[in-house]
Structure formats: structure tokens, C-alpha cells
């Protein structure tokens, strides 16, 4: 889990399958110390993992990502320039299994990434 290690949840609003979730990046995270020293960059894999964690939280525990597709990284997320991200999540709650969610990640008004997640129940 990256929550409270790379980011903190600020707010989650929405219903019926459309949500906006705001998170605060934690620039002191060990992730940034390693990626990259002197020029921290939020890894794309971490953005995907954050999306998985947030969707799982909205749907309730017991869901894991089983696939991601149509991933587009459109703008670099630098924690020194951006301290807050907004995730726009669209899917079904309660989640049918497997569940497909569309995710857009914004820094202010800039679209940084978009992707589709496919989730399933954990064993």
C-alpha cells in the first residue's frame, strides 16, 4: 500500500459510479529519494497503484487489480511542483466482478494520466 507512504487521502466525493478523490503527495517518501535523487518524479507504476488503492477503497475492501490497459502518461508529476492530485474515477458501485473503472489523474487542471483498471475479488 502506498497510502500514508507516498500519499495521504484528502477527500473522496461522489456517488453512483462517479467519484473525485483528492490526495496529497508526500515528498519525503522513500520512493522519491530513489526516483530520482535530486529530481524526484512520481513513478507511473505508483500512479497506477494509487488508482487501484483508491478504487478498492471506494468499492470496499477485497478487490485487487487484475489488469490495467489504455495507460497514457501525459504529464510528469513532480512532487516539488505538485503537492495534490485529483483522481476522477468512473465505474460501478457496488462493483460487479470483474469491474472495469476509467481513471483520469489531474494536477490542478492538467491531465497527467488516464487508464482503465480491471478489478477482481481477492482470494
N, C-alpha and C. Protein backbone atom coordinates (compact mmCIF):
# COMPACT_ATOMS: atom_id res chain seq x y z
N UNK A 1 0.84 -1.19 0.00
CA UNK A 1 0.00 0.00 0.00
C UNK A 1 0.88 1.24 0.00
N UNK A 2 0.48 2.16 -0.83
CA UNK A 2 1.20 3.43 -0.90
C UNK A 2 0.55 4.52 -0.05
N UNK A 3 -0.70 4.27 0.37
CA UNK A 3 -1.37 5.26 1.19
C UNK A 3 -0.59 5.45 2.49
N UNK A 4 -0.36 6.69 2.85
CA UNK A 4 0.40 7.11 4.01
C UNK A 4 1.90 6.84 3.88
N UNK A 5 2.34 6.31 2.75
CA UNK A 5 3.77 6.15 2.44
C UNK A 5 4.17 7.10 1.31
N UNK A 6 3.33 7.22 0.30
CA UNK A 6 3.58 8.09 -0.85
C UNK A 6 2.53 9.21 -0.95
N UNK A 7 1.36 8.94 -0.40
CA UNK A 7 0.28 9.92 -0.46
C UNK A 7 -0.64 9.78 0.75
N UNK A 8 -1.40 10.85 1.00
CA UNK A 8 -2.46 10.83 2.02
C UNK A 8 -3.77 11.20 1.35
N UNK A 9 -4.82 10.55 1.76
CA UNK A 9 -6.16 10.85 1.26
C UNK A 9 -6.64 12.16 1.87
N UNK A 10 -7.09 13.08 1.02
CA UNK A 10 -7.65 14.35 1.48
C UNK A 10 -9.16 14.27 1.50
N UNK A 11 -9.76 13.84 0.37
CA UNK A 11 -11.22 13.77 0.30
C UNK A 11 -11.64 12.82 -0.80
N UNK A 12 -12.84 12.30 -0.64
CA UNK A 12 -13.46 11.45 -1.66
C UNK A 12 -14.92 11.85 -1.74
N UNK A 13 -15.34 12.30 -2.92
CA UNK A 13 -16.71 12.75 -3.11
C UNK A 13 -17.29 12.09 -4.35
N UNK A 14 -18.58 11.84 -4.30
CA UNK A 14 -19.26 11.29 -5.46
C UNK A 14 -20.19 10.17 -5.06
N UNK A 15 -20.88 9.66 -6.07
CA UNK A 15 -21.80 8.55 -5.86
C UNK A 15 -22.17 7.97 -7.21
N UNK A 16 -22.80 6.81 -7.17
CA UNK A 16 -23.32 6.20 -8.38
C UNK A 16 -22.29 5.85 -9.42
N UNK A 17 -21.04 5.78 -9.05
CA UNK A 17 -20.01 5.39 -10.00
C UNK A 17 -19.16 6.52 -10.53
N UNK A 18 -19.40 7.75 -10.09
CA UNK A 18 -18.57 8.89 -10.48
C UNK A 18 -18.00 9.53 -9.22
N UNK A 19 -16.68 9.51 -9.10
CA UNK A 19 -16.03 9.99 -7.88
C UNK A 19 -14.87 10.90 -8.22
N UNK A 20 -14.63 11.85 -7.33
CA UNK A 20 -13.42 12.67 -7.36
C UNK A 20 -12.72 12.48 -6.04
N UNK A 21 -11.49 12.02 -6.11
CA UNK A 21 -10.71 11.75 -4.92
C UNK A 21 -9.45 12.62 -4.96
N UNK A 22 -9.23 13.33 -3.89
CA UNK A 22 -8.04 14.19 -3.80
C UNK A 22 -7.04 13.58 -2.83
N UNK A 23 -5.78 13.61 -3.26
CA UNK A 23 -4.70 13.09 -2.43
C UNK A 23 -3.57 14.12 -2.34
N UNK A 24 -2.83 14.06 -1.25
CA UNK A 24 -1.65 14.90 -1.06
C UNK A 24 -0.43 14.00 -1.20
N UNK A 25 0.48 14.39 -2.06
CA UNK A 25 1.73 13.65 -2.21
C UNK A 25 2.63 13.94 -1.02
N UNK A 26 3.42 12.96 -0.64
CA UNK A 26 4.34 13.08 0.49
C UNK A 26 5.77 13.12 -0.05
N UNK A 27 6.31 14.33 -0.30
CA UNK A 27 7.62 14.44 -0.93
C UNK A 27 8.76 13.82 -0.13
N UNK A 28 8.56 13.56 1.15
CA UNK A 28 9.60 12.93 1.96
C UNK A 28 9.61 11.41 1.81
N UNK A 29 8.74 10.85 1.00
CA UNK A 29 8.64 9.41 0.80
C UNK A 29 9.97 8.83 0.27
N UNK A 30 10.27 7.61 0.69
CA UNK A 30 11.47 6.93 0.20
C UNK A 30 11.39 6.69 -1.31
N UNK A 31 10.18 6.63 -1.85
CA UNK A 31 10.02 6.47 -3.30
C UNK A 31 10.72 7.61 -4.02
N UNK A 32 10.52 8.84 -3.54
CA UNK A 32 11.12 9.99 -4.20
C UNK A 32 12.63 10.06 -3.98
N UNK A 33 13.09 9.54 -2.86
CA UNK A 33 14.53 9.51 -2.62
C UNK A 33 15.24 8.62 -3.64
N UNK A 34 14.56 7.60 -4.09
CA UNK A 34 15.15 6.65 -5.04
C UNK A 34 14.81 6.99 -6.50
N UNK A 35 13.77 7.78 -6.71
CA UNK A 35 13.25 8.00 -8.09
C UNK A 35 13.03 9.48 -8.33
N UNK A 36 13.86 10.27 -8.54
CA UNK A 36 15.29 10.19 -8.73
C UNK A 36 15.97 11.15 -7.76
N UNK A 37 17.13 10.77 -7.20
CA UNK A 37 17.82 11.66 -6.27
C UNK A 37 18.09 13.03 -6.91
N UNK A 38 17.68 14.07 -6.22
CA UNK A 38 17.89 15.42 -6.72
C UNK A 38 16.83 15.91 -7.69
N UNK A 39 16.06 15.02 -8.27
CA UNK A 39 15.00 15.38 -9.22
C UNK A 39 13.85 14.38 -9.07
N UNK A 40 13.12 14.45 -7.93
CA UNK A 40 12.08 13.45 -7.67
C UNK A 40 10.95 13.51 -8.70
N UNK A 41 10.53 12.32 -9.14
CA UNK A 41 9.45 12.13 -10.11
C UNK A 41 8.55 11.03 -9.57
N UNK A 42 7.24 11.23 -9.67
CA UNK A 42 6.30 10.19 -9.26
C UNK A 42 6.29 9.09 -10.33
N UNK A 43 6.69 7.88 -9.98
CA UNK A 43 6.72 6.80 -10.97
C UNK A 43 5.32 6.48 -11.50
N UNK A 44 5.24 6.19 -12.79
CA UNK A 44 3.96 5.83 -13.40
C UNK A 44 3.33 4.62 -12.73
N UNK A 45 4.16 3.65 -12.36
CA UNK A 45 3.63 2.46 -11.69
C UNK A 45 2.97 2.83 -10.37
N UNK A 46 3.50 3.84 -9.70
CA UNK A 46 2.90 4.29 -8.43
C UNK A 46 1.57 4.98 -8.68
N UNK A 47 1.45 5.74 -9.77
CA UNK A 47 0.17 6.36 -10.09
C UNK A 47 -0.90 5.29 -10.35
N UNK A 48 -0.53 4.23 -11.05
CA UNK A 48 -1.46 3.12 -11.30
C UNK A 48 -1.84 2.45 -9.99
N UNK A 49 -0.86 2.19 -9.13
CA UNK A 49 -1.14 1.57 -7.83
C UNK A 49 -2.03 2.45 -6.97
N UNK A 50 -1.79 3.76 -6.98
CA UNK A 50 -2.63 4.69 -6.23
C UNK A 50 -4.07 4.59 -6.72
N UNK A 51 -4.27 4.56 -8.03
CA UNK A 51 -5.62 4.43 -8.60
C UNK A 51 -6.27 3.13 -8.12
N UNK A 52 -5.53 2.03 -8.13
CA UNK A 52 -6.06 0.74 -7.65
C UNK A 52 -6.49 0.83 -6.20
N UNK A 53 -5.65 1.43 -5.37
CA UNK A 53 -5.97 1.55 -3.95
C UNK A 53 -7.21 2.41 -3.73
N UNK A 54 -7.33 3.49 -4.48
CA UNK A 54 -8.47 4.39 -4.29
C UNK A 54 -9.77 3.75 -4.75
N UNK A 55 -9.74 3.05 -5.88
CA UNK A 55 -10.94 2.34 -6.34
C UNK A 55 -11.33 1.26 -5.35
N UNK A 56 -10.35 0.53 -4.86
CA UNK A 56 -10.62 -0.51 -3.87
C UNK A 56 -11.26 0.07 -2.62
N UNK A 57 -10.77 1.23 -2.20
CA UNK A 57 -11.32 1.88 -1.01
C UNK A 57 -12.77 2.31 -1.24
N UNK A 58 -13.05 2.83 -2.41
CA UNK A 58 -14.42 3.26 -2.73
C UNK A 58 -15.37 2.06 -2.77
N UNK A 59 -14.90 0.96 -3.35
CA UNK A 59 -15.74 -0.22 -3.53
C UNK A 59 -15.81 -1.08 -2.27
N UNK A 60 -14.95 -0.83 -1.34
CA UNK A 60 -14.86 -1.69 -0.16
C UNK A 60 -13.69 -2.64 -0.33
N UNK A 61 -13.19 -3.12 0.78
CA UNK A 61 -12.02 -3.99 0.72
C UNK A 61 -12.36 -5.28 -0.01
N UNK A 62 -11.31 -5.97 -0.37
CA UNK A 62 -11.50 -7.26 -1.03
C UNK A 62 -11.39 -7.22 -2.53
N UNK A 63 -10.97 -6.08 -3.11
CA UNK A 63 -10.76 -6.00 -4.55
C UNK A 63 -9.29 -5.73 -4.84
N UNK A 64 -8.78 -6.37 -5.87
CA UNK A 64 -7.42 -6.14 -6.35
C UNK A 64 -7.46 -5.88 -7.84
N UNK A 65 -6.45 -5.19 -8.33
CA UNK A 65 -6.33 -5.00 -9.77
C UNK A 65 -5.91 -6.31 -10.41
N UNK A 66 -6.52 -6.66 -11.51
CA UNK A 66 -6.07 -7.82 -12.25
C UNK A 66 -5.59 -7.39 -13.63
N UNK A 67 -5.70 -6.11 -13.92
CA UNK A 67 -5.19 -5.63 -15.19
C UNK A 67 -5.37 -4.14 -15.34
N UNK A 68 -4.49 -3.54 -16.11
CA UNK A 68 -4.59 -2.14 -16.47
C UNK A 68 -4.35 -2.05 -17.96
N UNK A 69 -5.11 -1.20 -18.61
CA UNK A 69 -4.97 -1.05 -20.06
C UNK A 69 -5.15 0.39 -20.45
N UNK A 70 -4.88 0.67 -21.70
CA UNK A 70 -5.02 2.02 -22.26
C UNK A 70 -4.34 3.06 -21.37
N UNK A 71 -3.17 2.72 -20.84
CA UNK A 71 -2.46 3.62 -19.94
C UNK A 71 -1.76 4.69 -20.78
N UNK A 72 -2.01 5.94 -20.43
CA UNK A 72 -1.36 7.07 -21.09
C UNK A 72 -0.83 8.01 -20.01
N UNK A 73 0.48 8.17 -19.96
CA UNK A 73 1.09 9.15 -19.08
C UNK A 73 1.32 10.40 -19.92
N UNK A 74 0.65 11.48 -19.57
CA UNK A 74 0.61 12.67 -20.41
C UNK A 74 1.41 13.84 -19.86
N UNK A 75 1.67 13.82 -18.56
CA UNK A 75 2.39 14.92 -17.93
C UNK A 75 3.12 14.39 -16.70
N UNK A 76 4.37 14.75 -16.56
CA UNK A 76 5.18 14.29 -15.43
C UNK A 76 4.66 14.89 -14.12
N UNK A 77 4.56 14.06 -13.09
CA UNK A 77 4.13 14.52 -11.77
C UNK A 77 5.37 14.69 -10.91
N UNK A 78 5.72 15.95 -10.66
CA UNK A 78 6.88 16.29 -9.84
C UNK A 78 6.40 16.76 -8.47
N UNK A 79 6.76 16.05 -7.39
CA UNK A 79 6.25 16.43 -6.07
C UNK A 79 6.72 17.80 -5.60
N UNK A 80 7.82 18.31 -6.16
CA UNK A 80 8.29 19.65 -5.81
C UNK A 80 7.41 20.73 -6.42
N UNK A 81 6.68 20.39 -7.49
CA UNK A 81 5.80 21.35 -8.17
C UNK A 81 4.33 21.10 -7.87
N UNK A 82 3.98 19.85 -7.58
CA UNK A 82 2.59 19.46 -7.37
C UNK A 82 2.48 18.72 -6.05
N UNK A 83 1.70 19.26 -5.14
CA UNK A 83 1.56 18.55 -3.87
C UNK A 83 0.22 17.83 -3.77
N UNK A 84 -0.68 18.09 -4.71
CA UNK A 84 -2.01 17.49 -4.65
C UNK A 84 -2.42 16.96 -6.03
N UNK A 85 -3.03 15.78 -6.03
CA UNK A 85 -3.58 15.19 -7.25
C UNK A 85 -5.07 14.93 -7.07
N UNK A 86 -5.80 15.00 -8.16
CA UNK A 86 -7.21 14.64 -8.15
C UNK A 86 -7.40 13.46 -9.10
N UNK A 87 -8.03 12.41 -8.59
CA UNK A 87 -8.34 11.21 -9.37
C UNK A 87 -9.83 11.26 -9.70
N UNK A 88 -10.16 11.25 -10.97
CA UNK A 88 -11.55 11.15 -11.40
C UNK A 88 -11.76 9.68 -11.75
N UNK A 89 -12.67 9.03 -11.00
CA UNK A 89 -12.90 7.59 -11.11
C UNK A 89 -14.32 7.33 -11.58
N UNK A 90 -14.46 6.50 -12.61
CA UNK A 90 -15.78 6.15 -13.12
C UNK A 90 -15.89 4.64 -13.21
N UNK A 91 -16.90 4.10 -12.53
CA UNK A 91 -17.14 2.67 -12.53
C UNK A 91 -18.42 2.37 -11.80
N UNK A 92 -18.65 1.11 -11.49
CA UNK A 92 -19.91 0.71 -10.85
C UNK A 92 -19.69 0.39 -9.38
N UNK A 93 -20.55 0.94 -8.53
CA UNK A 93 -20.55 0.63 -7.09
C UNK A 93 -21.96 0.19 -6.73
N UNK A 94 -22.18 -0.98 -6.12
CA UNK A 94 -21.12 -1.93 -5.79
C UNK A 94 -20.54 -2.53 -7.05
N UNK A 95 -19.29 -2.87 -6.97
CA UNK A 95 -18.56 -3.33 -8.14
C UNK A 95 -18.99 -4.74 -8.54
N UNK A 96 -19.39 -4.88 -9.79
CA UNK A 96 -19.57 -6.21 -10.36
C UNK A 96 -18.17 -6.79 -10.51
N UNK A 97 -18.06 -8.09 -10.52
CA UNK A 97 -16.75 -8.69 -10.64
C UNK A 97 -16.70 -9.51 -11.91
N UNK A 98 -15.76 -9.29 -12.79
CA UNK A 98 -14.73 -8.25 -12.68
C UNK A 98 -15.32 -6.87 -12.95
N UNK A 99 -14.69 -5.87 -12.37
CA UNK A 99 -15.14 -4.48 -12.50
C UNK A 99 -14.17 -3.72 -13.38
N UNK A 100 -14.70 -2.85 -14.23
CA UNK A 100 -13.85 -2.00 -15.05
C UNK A 100 -14.07 -0.56 -14.63
N UNK A 101 -12.97 0.14 -14.40
CA UNK A 101 -13.00 1.53 -13.99
C UNK A 101 -12.14 2.36 -14.93
N UNK A 102 -12.64 3.54 -15.27
CA UNK A 102 -11.88 4.52 -16.04
C UNK A 102 -11.32 5.53 -15.05
N UNK A 103 -10.04 5.84 -15.19
CA UNK A 103 -9.35 6.73 -14.25
C UNK A 103 -8.66 7.85 -15.02
N UNK A 104 -8.86 9.07 -14.53
CA UNK A 104 -8.11 10.23 -15.01
C UNK A 104 -7.43 10.85 -13.80
N UNK A 105 -6.16 11.24 -13.96
CA UNK A 105 -5.39 11.81 -12.86
C UNK A 105 -4.97 13.22 -13.25
N UNK A 106 -5.33 14.18 -12.40
CA UNK A 106 -5.06 15.59 -12.67
C UNK A 106 -4.17 16.20 -11.61
N UNK A 107 -3.30 17.10 -12.04
CA UNK A 107 -2.57 18.02 -11.16
C UNK A 107 -3.12 19.39 -11.52
N UNK A 108 -3.88 19.97 -10.60
CA UNK A 108 -4.65 21.20 -10.90
C UNK A 108 -5.54 20.89 -12.10
N UNK A 109 -5.42 21.64 -13.17
CA UNK A 109 -6.26 21.41 -14.35
C UNK A 109 -5.55 20.61 -15.44
N UNK A 110 -4.38 20.10 -15.15
CA UNK A 110 -3.57 19.39 -16.14
C UNK A 110 -3.81 17.89 -16.02
N UNK A 111 -4.23 17.27 -17.12
CA UNK A 111 -4.42 15.82 -17.15
C UNK A 111 -3.04 15.18 -17.24
N UNK A 112 -2.68 14.43 -16.19
CA UNK A 112 -1.36 13.80 -16.11
C UNK A 112 -1.36 12.37 -16.63
N UNK A 113 -2.47 11.66 -16.43
CA UNK A 113 -2.54 10.26 -16.85
C UNK A 113 -3.99 9.84 -16.98
N UNK A 114 -4.20 8.82 -17.81
CA UNK A 114 -5.51 8.19 -17.90
C UNK A 114 -5.28 6.71 -18.15
N UNK A 115 -6.22 5.89 -17.64
CA UNK A 115 -6.08 4.45 -17.76
C UNK A 115 -7.40 3.77 -17.45
N UNK A 116 -7.45 2.49 -17.76
CA UNK A 116 -8.58 1.65 -17.39
C UNK A 116 -8.05 0.56 -16.47
N UNK A 117 -8.81 0.30 -15.41
CA UNK A 117 -8.47 -0.77 -14.47
C UNK A 117 -9.51 -1.86 -14.53
N UNK A 118 -9.06 -3.06 -14.42
CA UNK A 118 -9.95 -4.21 -14.29
C UNK A 118 -9.67 -4.82 -12.93
N UNK A 119 -10.72 -4.95 -12.11
CA UNK A 119 -10.55 -5.45 -10.75
C UNK A 119 -11.27 -6.75 -10.53
N UNK A 120 -10.79 -7.52 -9.58
CA UNK A 120 -11.43 -8.77 -9.19
C UNK A 120 -11.36 -8.89 -7.67
N UNK A 121 -12.10 -9.83 -7.13
CA UNK A 121 -12.08 -10.07 -5.67
C UNK A 121 -10.79 -10.80 -5.29
N UNK A 122 -10.27 -10.42 -4.13
CA UNK A 122 -9.11 -11.11 -3.61
C UNK A 122 -9.52 -12.47 -3.05
N UNK A 123 -8.61 -13.37 -3.13
CA UNK A 123 -8.90 -14.73 -2.64
C UNK A 123 -8.76 -14.80 -1.14
